Protein backbone atom coordinates (compact mmCIF):
# COMPACT_ATOMS: atom_id res chain seq x y z
CA MET A 1 19.39 61.71 -298.01
CA ALA A 2 17.62 59.91 -300.75
CA GLU A 3 14.79 61.51 -302.64
CA ARG A 4 11.52 59.69 -302.82
CA ASN A 5 8.02 59.99 -304.15
CA GLY A 6 5.17 60.38 -301.71
CA PHE A 7 1.80 62.10 -301.86
CA LEU A 8 3.46 65.51 -302.38
CA PRO A 9 3.50 66.53 -306.06
CA ILE A 10 7.32 66.87 -306.05
CA ARG A 11 10.26 64.62 -305.27
CA THR A 12 11.47 65.49 -301.78
CA ASN A 13 14.14 64.55 -299.29
CA THR A 14 13.84 64.72 -295.51
CA PHE A 15 14.92 68.35 -295.29
CA ASP A 16 12.33 69.40 -297.88
CA ARG A 17 9.55 67.69 -295.95
CA VAL A 18 10.66 69.25 -292.64
CA PHE A 19 10.79 72.69 -294.30
CA ILE A 20 7.28 72.25 -295.73
CA SER A 21 6.04 71.16 -292.30
CA VAL A 22 7.54 74.24 -290.59
CA VAL A 23 6.03 76.59 -293.18
CA LEU A 24 2.63 74.95 -292.72
CA PHE A 25 3.01 75.20 -288.93
CA ILE A 26 3.55 78.96 -289.22
CA ALA A 27 0.69 79.40 -291.71
CA ILE A 28 -1.78 77.40 -289.61
CA SER A 29 -0.78 79.30 -286.46
CA LEU A 30 -1.24 82.68 -288.11
CA PHE A 31 -4.58 81.66 -289.60
CA TRP A 32 -5.69 80.32 -286.22
CA MET A 33 -4.70 83.50 -284.35
CA ARG A 34 -6.48 85.68 -286.89
CA PHE A 35 -9.76 83.81 -287.30
CA LEU A 36 -10.22 81.11 -284.66
CA GLU A 37 -8.52 82.31 -281.48
CA PRO A 38 -11.74 83.66 -279.89
CA HIS A 39 -13.39 80.25 -280.33
CA ALA A 40 -10.61 77.76 -279.59
CA PRO A 41 -7.26 77.98 -277.77
CA LEU A 42 -3.95 78.19 -279.61
CA TRP A 43 -2.72 74.82 -278.29
CA VAL A 44 -5.30 73.14 -280.55
CA SER A 45 -3.63 74.67 -283.58
CA THR A 46 -0.22 73.58 -282.30
CA LEU A 47 -1.42 70.02 -281.85
CA LEU A 48 -3.04 70.00 -285.31
CA SER A 49 0.14 71.38 -286.89
CA ALA A 50 2.34 68.84 -285.10
CA ILE A 51 0.19 65.93 -286.28
CA LEU A 52 0.12 67.27 -289.84
CA GLY A 53 3.87 67.86 -289.78
CA GLN A 54 4.58 64.35 -288.58
CA TRP A 55 2.38 62.91 -291.32
CA ILE A 56 4.11 65.00 -294.02
CA ILE A 57 7.58 64.06 -292.81
CA ARG A 58 6.78 60.33 -292.69
CA LYS A 59 4.53 59.90 -295.74
CA GLY A 60 5.20 62.97 -297.88
C-alpha cells in the first residue's frame, strides 16, 4: 500500500484512512446518541458517518 498526500495533515495509506473513518464513525454515533437522538433517528448518523468515511477513504 503506497502512502499518499490528501487533505489529511499526515501521509496515510489505505489502512490509516479506514482506521480514521471507523474512529470517526464511533465518535459521531456516540455524539448523536448523547445529544441528537431525541430529535433525529440514529440511522441519520449512520448515513452521515458512512458518507464521511467513504470521502476520507477515497480523498484523504
